[in-house]
C-alpha atoms as a PDB file:
ATOM      1  CA  MET A   1      24.366  -1.304  28.380  1.00  0.00           C
ATOM      2  CA  ASN A   2      21.726  -2.981  26.252  1.00  0.00           C
ATOM      3  CA  SER A   3      20.473  -1.281  23.138  1.00  0.00           C
ATOM      4  CA  THR A   4      17.068  -2.012  21.691  1.00  0.00           C
ATOM      5  CA  LYS A   5      16.793  -2.228  17.964  1.00  0.00           C
ATOM      6  CA  SER A   6      13.515  -1.117  16.427  1.00  0.00           C
ATOM      7  CA  THR A   7      11.466  -3.866  14.834  1.00  0.00           C
ATOM      8  CA  ASN A   8       9.918  -1.251  12.572  1.00  0.00           C
ATOM      9  CA  SER A   9      12.877  -0.800  10.251  1.00  0.00           C
ATOM     10  CA  HIS A  10      10.790  -0.153   7.131  1.00  0.00           C
ATOM     11  CA  ASN A  11       9.635   3.324   8.098  1.00  0.00           C
ATOM     12  CA  ARG A  12       9.100   5.655   5.196  1.00  0.00           C
ATOM     13  CA  PRO A  13      10.330   9.216   5.595  1.00  0.00           C
ATOM     14  CA  LEU A  14       7.736  11.751   6.661  1.00  0.00           C
ATOM     15  CA  GLU A  15       6.092  13.459   3.663  1.00  0.00           C
ATOM     16  CA  LEU A  16       4.203  16.713   3.315  1.00  0.00           C
ATOM     17  CA  TRP A  17       0.718  16.202   1.898  1.00  0.00           C
ATOM     18  CA  GLY A  18      -1.750  18.982   1.171  1.00  0.00           C
ATOM     19  CA  GLY A  19      -5.314  19.614   0.164  1.00  0.00           C
ATOM     20  CA  LEU A  20      -7.072  22.084  -2.066  1.00  0.00           C
ATOM     21  CA  GLU A  21     -10.333  23.445  -0.714  1.00  0.00           C
ATOM     22  CA  CYS A  22     -12.808  22.808  -3.507  1.00  0.00           C
ATOM     23  CA  THR A  23     -16.293  22.660  -2.003  1.00  0.00           C
ATOM     24  CA  VAL A  24     -19.210  22.449  -4.409  1.00  0.00           C
ATOM     25  CA  ASN A  25     -22.288  22.969  -2.290  1.00  0.00           C
ATOM     26  CA  ARG A  26     -25.843  23.458  -3.456  1.00  0.00           C
ATOM     27  CA  VAL A  27     -28.124  25.941  -1.707  1.00  0.00           C
ATOM     28  CA  GLN A  28     -31.683  25.692  -3.042  1.00  0.00           C
ATOM     29  CA  ASP A  29     -31.008  25.512  -6.809  1.00  0.00           C
ATOM     30  CA  THR A  30     -27.714  27.415  -6.860  1.00  0.00           C
ATOM     31  CA  TYR A  31     -24.313  25.730  -6.838  1.00  0.00           C
ATOM     32  CA  HIS A  32     -21.460  27.516  -5.066  1.00  0.00           C
ATOM     33  CA  GLN A  33     -18.039  26.442  -6.314  1.00  0.00           C
ATOM     34  CA  GLN A  34     -15.042  27.326  -4.219  1.00  0.00           C
ATOM     35  CA  LEU A  35     -12.653  26.716  -7.135  1.00  0.00           C
ATOM     36  CA  ASP A  36     -14.254  29.673  -8.894  1.00  0.00           C
ATOM     37  CA  ARG A  37     -14.218  31.850  -5.783  1.00  0.00           C
ATOM     38  CA  ASN A  38     -10.612  31.133  -4.843  1.00  0.00           C
ATOM     39  CA  GLY A  39      -9.451  31.538  -8.457  1.00  0.00           C
ATOM     40  CA  HIS A  40      -7.757  28.150  -8.801  1.00  0.00           C
ATOM     41  CA  ASP A  41     -10.117  27.075 -11.582  1.00  0.00           C
ATOM     42  CA  GLY A  42      -8.376  29.470 -13.969  1.00  0.00           C
ATOM     43  CA  ARG A  43      -4.831  29.306 -12.562  1.00  0.00           C
ATOM     44  CA  ALA A  44      -3.034  26.251 -13.891  1.00  0.00           C
ATOM     45  CA  ASP A  45       0.273  27.717 -12.680  1.00  0.00           C
ATOM     46  CA  ASP A  46      -0.856  27.050  -9.094  1.00  0.00           C
ATOM     47  CA  ILE A  47       0.368  23.494  -9.597  1.00  0.00           C
ATOM     48  CA  ALA A  48       3.972  24.661  -9.907  1.00  0.00           C
ATOM     49  CA  ARG A  49       3.462  26.664  -6.715  1.00  0.00           C
ATOM     50  CA  PHE A  50       2.129  23.583  -4.906  1.00  0.00           C
ATOM     51  CA  ALA A  51       5.119  21.532  -6.061  1.00  0.00           C
ATOM     52  CA  ALA A  52       7.529  24.272  -4.935  1.00  0.00           C
ATOM     53  CA  THR A  53       6.334  23.841  -1.331  1.00  0.00           C
ATOM     54  CA  GLY A  54       7.688  20.280  -1.296  1.00  0.00           C
ATOM     55  CA  ILE A  55       4.247  18.679  -1.234  1.00  0.00           C
ATOM     56  CA  ARG A  56       4.426  15.009  -2.282  1.00  0.00           C
ATOM     57  CA  ALA A  57       0.649  14.464  -2.556  1.00  0.00           C
ATOM     58  CA  ILE A  58      -2.372  16.753  -2.729  1.00  0.00           C
ATOM     59  CA  ARG A  59      -6.077  16.137  -2.400  1.00  0.00           C
ATOM     60  CA  TYR A  60      -7.281  17.381  -5.764  1.00  0.00           C
ATOM     61  CA  PRO A  61     -10.766  17.780  -7.269  1.00  0.00           C
ATOM     62  CA  VAL A  62     -12.057  15.520 -10.002  1.00  0.00           C
ATOM     63  CA  LEU A  63     -15.551  16.475  -8.940  1.00  0.00           C
ATOM     64  CA  TRP A  64     -18.659  14.739 -10.217  1.00  0.00           C
ATOM     65  CA  GLU A  65     -20.741  17.947 -10.323  1.00  0.00           C
ATOM     66  CA  ARG A  66     -18.112  19.730 -12.413  1.00  0.00           C
ATOM     67  CA  THR A  67     -17.036  16.937 -14.749  1.00  0.00           C
ATOM     68  CA  ALA A  68     -20.289  15.092 -15.454  1.00  0.00           C
ATOM     69  CA  PRO A  69     -23.216  17.264 -14.322  1.00  0.00           C
ATOM     70  CA  GLU A  70     -25.393  15.984 -17.183  1.00  0.00           C
ATOM     71  CA  GLY A  71     -24.247  12.354 -16.987  1.00  0.00           C
ATOM     72  CA  LEU A  72     -21.203  10.310 -17.935  1.00  0.00           C
ATOM     73  CA  ASP A  73     -22.067  10.314 -21.634  1.00  0.00           C
ATOM     74  CA  LYS A  74     -21.718  14.119 -21.630  1.00  0.00           C
ATOM     75  CA  ALA A  75     -18.732  14.350 -19.276  1.00  0.00           C
ATOM     76  CA  ASP A  76     -16.134  17.029 -19.997  1.00  0.00           C
ATOM     77  CA  TRP A  77     -12.731  15.730 -18.903  1.00  0.00           C
ATOM     78  CA  THR A  78     -10.762  18.733 -20.233  1.00  0.00           C
ATOM     79  CA  TRP A  79      -9.970  20.340 -16.855  1.00  0.00           C
ATOM     80  CA  PRO A  80      -9.013  17.179 -14.936  1.00  0.00           C
ATOM     81  CA  ASP A  81      -7.030  15.887 -17.949  1.00  0.00           C
ATOM     82  CA  GLU A  82      -4.876  19.016 -17.904  1.00  0.00           C
ATOM     83  CA  ARG A  83      -4.541  19.364 -14.141  1.00  0.00           C
ATOM     84  CA  LEU A  84      -3.879  15.724 -13.215  1.00  0.00           C
ATOM     85  CA  ALA A  85      -1.213  15.430 -15.915  1.00  0.00           C
ATOM     86  CA  ALA A  86       0.426  18.642 -14.650  1.00  0.00           C
ATOM     87  CA  LEU A  87       0.482  17.312 -11.079  1.00  0.00           C
ATOM     88  CA  ARG A  88       2.037  14.043 -12.219  1.00  0.00           C
ATOM     89  CA  ASP A  89       4.648  15.906 -14.274  1.00  0.00           C
ATOM     90  CA  ALA A  90       5.449  18.070 -11.221  1.00  0.00           C
ATOM     91  CA  GLY A  91       6.033  14.973  -9.066  1.00  0.00           C
ATOM     92  CA  VAL A  92       2.942  15.547  -6.898  1.00  0.00           C
ATOM     93  CA  ALA A  93       0.599  12.579  -6.433  1.00  0.00           C
ATOM     94  CA  PRO A  94      -3.057  13.582  -6.776  1.00  0.00           C
ATOM     95  CA  ILE A  95      -5.541  12.271  -4.225  1.00  0.00           C
ATOM     96  CA  ALA A  96      -8.631  12.362  -6.437  1.00  0.00           C
ATOM     97  CA  GLY A  97     -11.659  13.853  -4.703  1.00  0.00           C
ATOM     98  CA  LEU A  98     -14.968  12.934  -6.340  1.00  0.00           C
ATOM     99  CA  ILE A  99     -17.430  14.775  -4.044  1.00  0.00           C
ATOM    100  CA  HIS A 100     -16.421  17.637  -1.774  1.00  0.00           C
ATOM    101  CA  HIS A 101     -19.268  18.789   0.495  1.00  0.00           C
ATOM    102  CA  GLY A 102     -21.504  18.129  -2.478  1.00  0.00           C
ATOM    103  CA  SER A 103     -24.713  16.311  -3.163  1.00  0.00           C
ATOM    104  CA  GLY A 104     -23.975  15.381  -6.759  1.00  0.00           C
ATOM    105  CA  PRO A 105     -25.472  16.692  -9.997  1.00  0.00           C
ATOM    106  CA  ARG A 106     -29.031  18.050 -10.063  1.00  0.00           C
ATOM    107  CA  HIS A 107     -30.579  14.653 -10.859  1.00  0.00           C
ATOM    108  CA  THR A 108     -29.569  13.201  -7.471  1.00  0.00           C
ATOM    109  CA  SER A 109     -29.001  14.099  -3.813  1.00  0.00           C
ATOM    110  CA  LEU A 110     -27.515  12.686  -0.629  1.00  0.00           C
ATOM    111  CA  VAL A 111     -30.866  11.075   0.233  1.00  0.00           C
ATOM    112  CA  ASP A 112     -31.463   9.549  -3.212  1.00  0.00           C
ATOM    113  CA  PRO A 113     -31.449   5.731  -2.858  1.00  0.00           C
ATOM    114  CA  ALA A 114     -29.453   5.579  -6.132  1.00  0.00           C
ATOM    115  CA  PHE A 115     -26.818   8.130  -5.036  1.00  0.00           C
ATOM    116  CA  ALA A 116     -24.168   5.554  -4.085  1.00  0.00           C
ATOM    117  CA  GLU A 117     -24.480   3.546  -7.310  1.00  0.00           C
ATOM    118  CA  GLN A 118     -24.410   6.692  -9.445  1.00  0.00           C
ATOM    119  CA  LEU A 119     -21.293   8.035  -7.741  1.00  0.00           C
ATOM    120  CA  ALA A 120     -19.667   4.602  -8.056  1.00  0.00           C
ATOM    121  CA  ALA A 121     -20.331   4.645 -11.806  1.00  0.00           C
ATOM    122  CA  TYR A 122     -18.556   7.998 -11.973  1.00  0.00           C
ATOM    123  CA  ALA A 123     -15.697   6.649  -9.844  1.00  0.00           C
ATOM    124  CA  GLY A 124     -15.262   3.741 -12.245  1.00  0.00           C
ATOM    125  CA  ALA A 125     -15.125   6.165 -15.174  1.00  0.00           C
ATOM    126  CA  VAL A 126     -12.476   8.260 -13.393  1.00  0.00           C
ATOM    127  CA  ALA A 127     -10.373   5.162 -12.695  1.00  0.00           C
ATOM    128  CA  ALA A 128     -10.697   3.988 -16.302  1.00  0.00           C
ATOM    129  CA  ARG A 129      -9.609   7.380 -17.620  1.00  0.00           C
ATOM    130  CA  TYR A 130      -6.722   7.737 -15.139  1.00  0.00           C
ATOM    131  CA  PRO A 131      -5.626   4.178 -14.310  1.00  0.00           C
ATOM    132  CA  TRP A 132      -2.344   5.526 -12.900  1.00  0.00           C
ATOM    133  CA  LEU A 133      -4.083   7.334 -10.017  1.00  0.00           C
ATOM    134  CA  GLU A 134      -3.238   5.642  -6.724  1.00  0.00           C
ATOM    135  CA  TYR A 135      -5.118   7.666  -4.086  1.00  0.00           C
ATOM    136  CA  TYR A 136      -8.801   8.530  -3.815  1.00  0.00           C
ATOM    137  CA  THR A 137     -11.145  10.373  -1.487  1.00  0.00           C
ATOM    138  CA  PRO A 138     -14.500   9.451  -3.019  1.00  0.00           C
ATOM    139  CA  VAL A 139     -16.533  11.461  -0.495  1.00  0.00           C
ATOM    140  CA  ASN A 140     -14.938  14.256   1.523  1.00  0.00           C
ATOM    141  CA  GLU A 141     -15.975  14.755   5.156  1.00  0.00           C
ATOM    142  CA  ILE A 142     -19.020  12.508   5.214  1.00  0.00           C
ATOM    143  CA  CYS A 143     -20.183  13.505   8.700  1.00  0.00           C
ATOM    144  CA  THR A 144     -19.787  17.244   8.123  1.00  0.00           C
ATOM    145  CA  THR A 145     -21.659  17.090   4.825  1.00  0.00           C
ATOM    146  CA  ALA A 146     -24.463  15.032   6.365  1.00  0.00           C
ATOM    147  CA  ARG A 147     -24.784  17.558   9.197  1.00  0.00           C
ATOM    148  CA  PHE A 148     -24.968  20.608   6.922  1.00  0.00           C
ATOM    149  CA  ALA A 149     -27.265  18.925   4.365  1.00  0.00           C
ATOM    150  CA  GLY A 150     -29.422  16.745   6.589  1.00  0.00           C
ATOM    151  CA  LEU A 151     -29.422  18.232  10.089  1.00  0.00           C
ATOM    152  CA  TYR A 152     -28.705  21.979   9.859  1.00  0.00           C
ATOM    153  CA  GLY A 153     -30.632  22.574   6.618  1.00  0.00           C
ATOM    154  CA  VAL A 154     -27.919  24.787   5.090  1.00  0.00           C
ATOM    155  CA  TRP A 155     -27.026  22.663   2.040  1.00  0.00           C
ATOM    156  CA  TYR A 156     -29.214  20.688  -0.317  1.00  0.00           C
ATOM    157  CA  PRO A 157     -31.478  18.789   0.342  1.00  0.00           C
ATOM    158  CA  HIS A 158     -31.892  21.117   3.354  1.00  0.00           C
ATOM    159  CA  GLY A 159     -32.949  18.508   5.896  1.00  0.00           C
ATOM    160  CA  ARG A 160     -33.394  19.484   9.526  1.00  0.00           C
ATOM    161  CA  ASP A 161     -34.039  16.149  11.175  1.00  0.00           C
ATOM    162  CA  ASP A 162     -32.273  13.036  12.402  1.00  0.00           C
ATOM    163  CA  ARG A 163     -33.749  10.833   9.671  1.00  0.00           C
ATOM    164  CA  THR A 164     -32.372  12.972   6.816  1.00  0.00           C
ATOM    165  CA  PHE A 165     -29.009  13.279   8.579  1.00  0.00           C
ATOM    166  CA  ILE A 166     -28.681   9.492   9.041  1.00  0.00           C
ATOM    167  CA  GLN A 167     -29.859   8.776   5.492  1.00  0.00           C
ATOM    168  CA  ALA A 168     -27.299  11.224   4.057  1.00  0.00           C
ATOM    169  CA  LEU A 169     -24.581   9.793   6.312  1.00  0.00           C
ATOM    170  CA  LEU A 170     -25.276   6.176   5.344  1.00  0.00           C
ATOM    171  CA  ASN A 171     -25.647   6.961   1.628  1.00  0.00           C
ATOM    172  CA  GLN A 172     -22.214   8.614   1.626  1.00  0.00           C
ATOM    173  CA  CYS A 173     -20.632   5.696   3.521  1.00  0.00           C
ATOM    174  CA  ARG A 174     -22.163   3.243   1.051  1.00  0.00           C
ATOM    175  CA  ALA A 175     -20.990   5.417  -1.836  1.00  0.00           C
ATOM    176  CA  THR A 176     -17.413   5.317  -0.515  1.00  0.00           C
ATOM    177  CA  VAL A 177     -17.476   1.505  -0.373  1.00  0.00           C
ATOM    178  CA  LEU A 178     -18.981   1.153  -3.853  1.00  0.00           C
ATOM    179  CA  CYS A 179     -16.630   3.758  -5.323  1.00  0.00           C
ATOM    180  CA  MET A 180     -13.564   1.926  -4.030  1.00  0.00           C
ATOM    181  CA  ARG A 181     -14.892  -1.352  -5.454  1.00  0.00           C
ATOM    182  CA  ALA A 182     -15.378   0.290  -8.858  1.00  0.00           C
ATOM    183  CA  ILE A 183     -11.952   1.944  -8.704  1.00  0.00           C
ATOM    184  CA  ARG A 184     -10.202  -1.257  -7.601  1.00  0.00           C
ATOM    185  CA  ALA A 185     -11.827  -3.145 -10.477  1.00  0.00           C
ATOM    186  CA  VAL A 186      -9.565  -0.969 -12.660  1.00  0.00           C
ATOM    187  CA  ASN A 187      -6.620  -0.479 -10.284  1.00  0.00           C
ATOM    188  CA  PRO A 188      -6.452  -3.145  -7.550  1.00  0.00           C
ATOM    189  CA  ASP A 189      -3.717  -1.150  -5.777  1.00  0.00           C
ATOM    190  CA  ALA A 190      -5.801   2.022  -5.389  1.00  0.00           C
ATOM    191  CA  LYS A 191      -5.885   3.383  -1.839  1.00  0.00           C
ATOM    192  CA  LEU A 192      -8.631   5.112   0.106  1.00  0.00           C
ATOM    193  CA  VAL A 193      -7.634   8.351   1.843  1.00  0.00           C
ATOM    194  CA  GLN A 194     -10.625   9.221   4.025  1.00  0.00           C
ATOM    195  CA  THR A 195     -11.091  12.654   5.538  1.00  0.00           C
ATOM    196  CA  ASP A 196     -13.616  13.865   8.089  1.00  0.00           C
ATOM    197  CA  ASP A 197     -14.161  16.464  10.750  1.00  0.00           C
ATOM    198  CA  LEU A 198     -14.890  14.656  13.983  1.00  0.00           C
ATOM    199  CA  GLY A 199     -15.072  17.838  16.047  1.00  0.00           C
END
C-alpha cells in the first residue's frame, strides 16, 4: 500500500477570527454610528469578552470619521490608543478598519477625486502611530458601499446612477491601493485583509 505524503507540510492551525460591526454611514448631513447604537463605544470590557471566545484576530475600527473628522492635525487618538493596546494585551490581533460603509469626514465623499489620497494620508498616520499593527482593511465592503451610496441613493452622496456607482467603486479601490502603499512605507510586512459582499 502506497501512502502519499502531503507537500503542504507548513499548514498553520485553523484560527477563529471575528469582526465588530462598526458602520459609520452618512444620510444627508447626519452620521449614524453603529458603535454608539450597539454600545461598544463605551464598553471597553467587551475586549475581554472577545478574547474569551478564543478569537485570535478581530476586524476593529480605527475609523477616519471618528478619529480625524476635522483633519489629521486635530485627530483624537484617545479611543483607538486605549482599545488597540487592550486588544494586543489580550492576545487578539486587530485588523484595523479605516472606513466602514463610510464616505469619510464632511469635507470629502466617495466621489471626491481627492478621496483616495486623503484616506491614504490617514492610513499613513495610523501606521506611524501603531507601527506594530500587521493587518488592515482600509475600506470595508467596497462594492456594497458603492451600491448604497452611488446606486441606491441611501447613503451619502445619495447617487442613483451607474456613473456615481462606478466612480464610488473605483475611488474606494484606488484608496485601498494607496492606503496599503502608505501603510507599507511604515511597516513593509503589513497585510491587506479585504472584505466584500459579493451577493
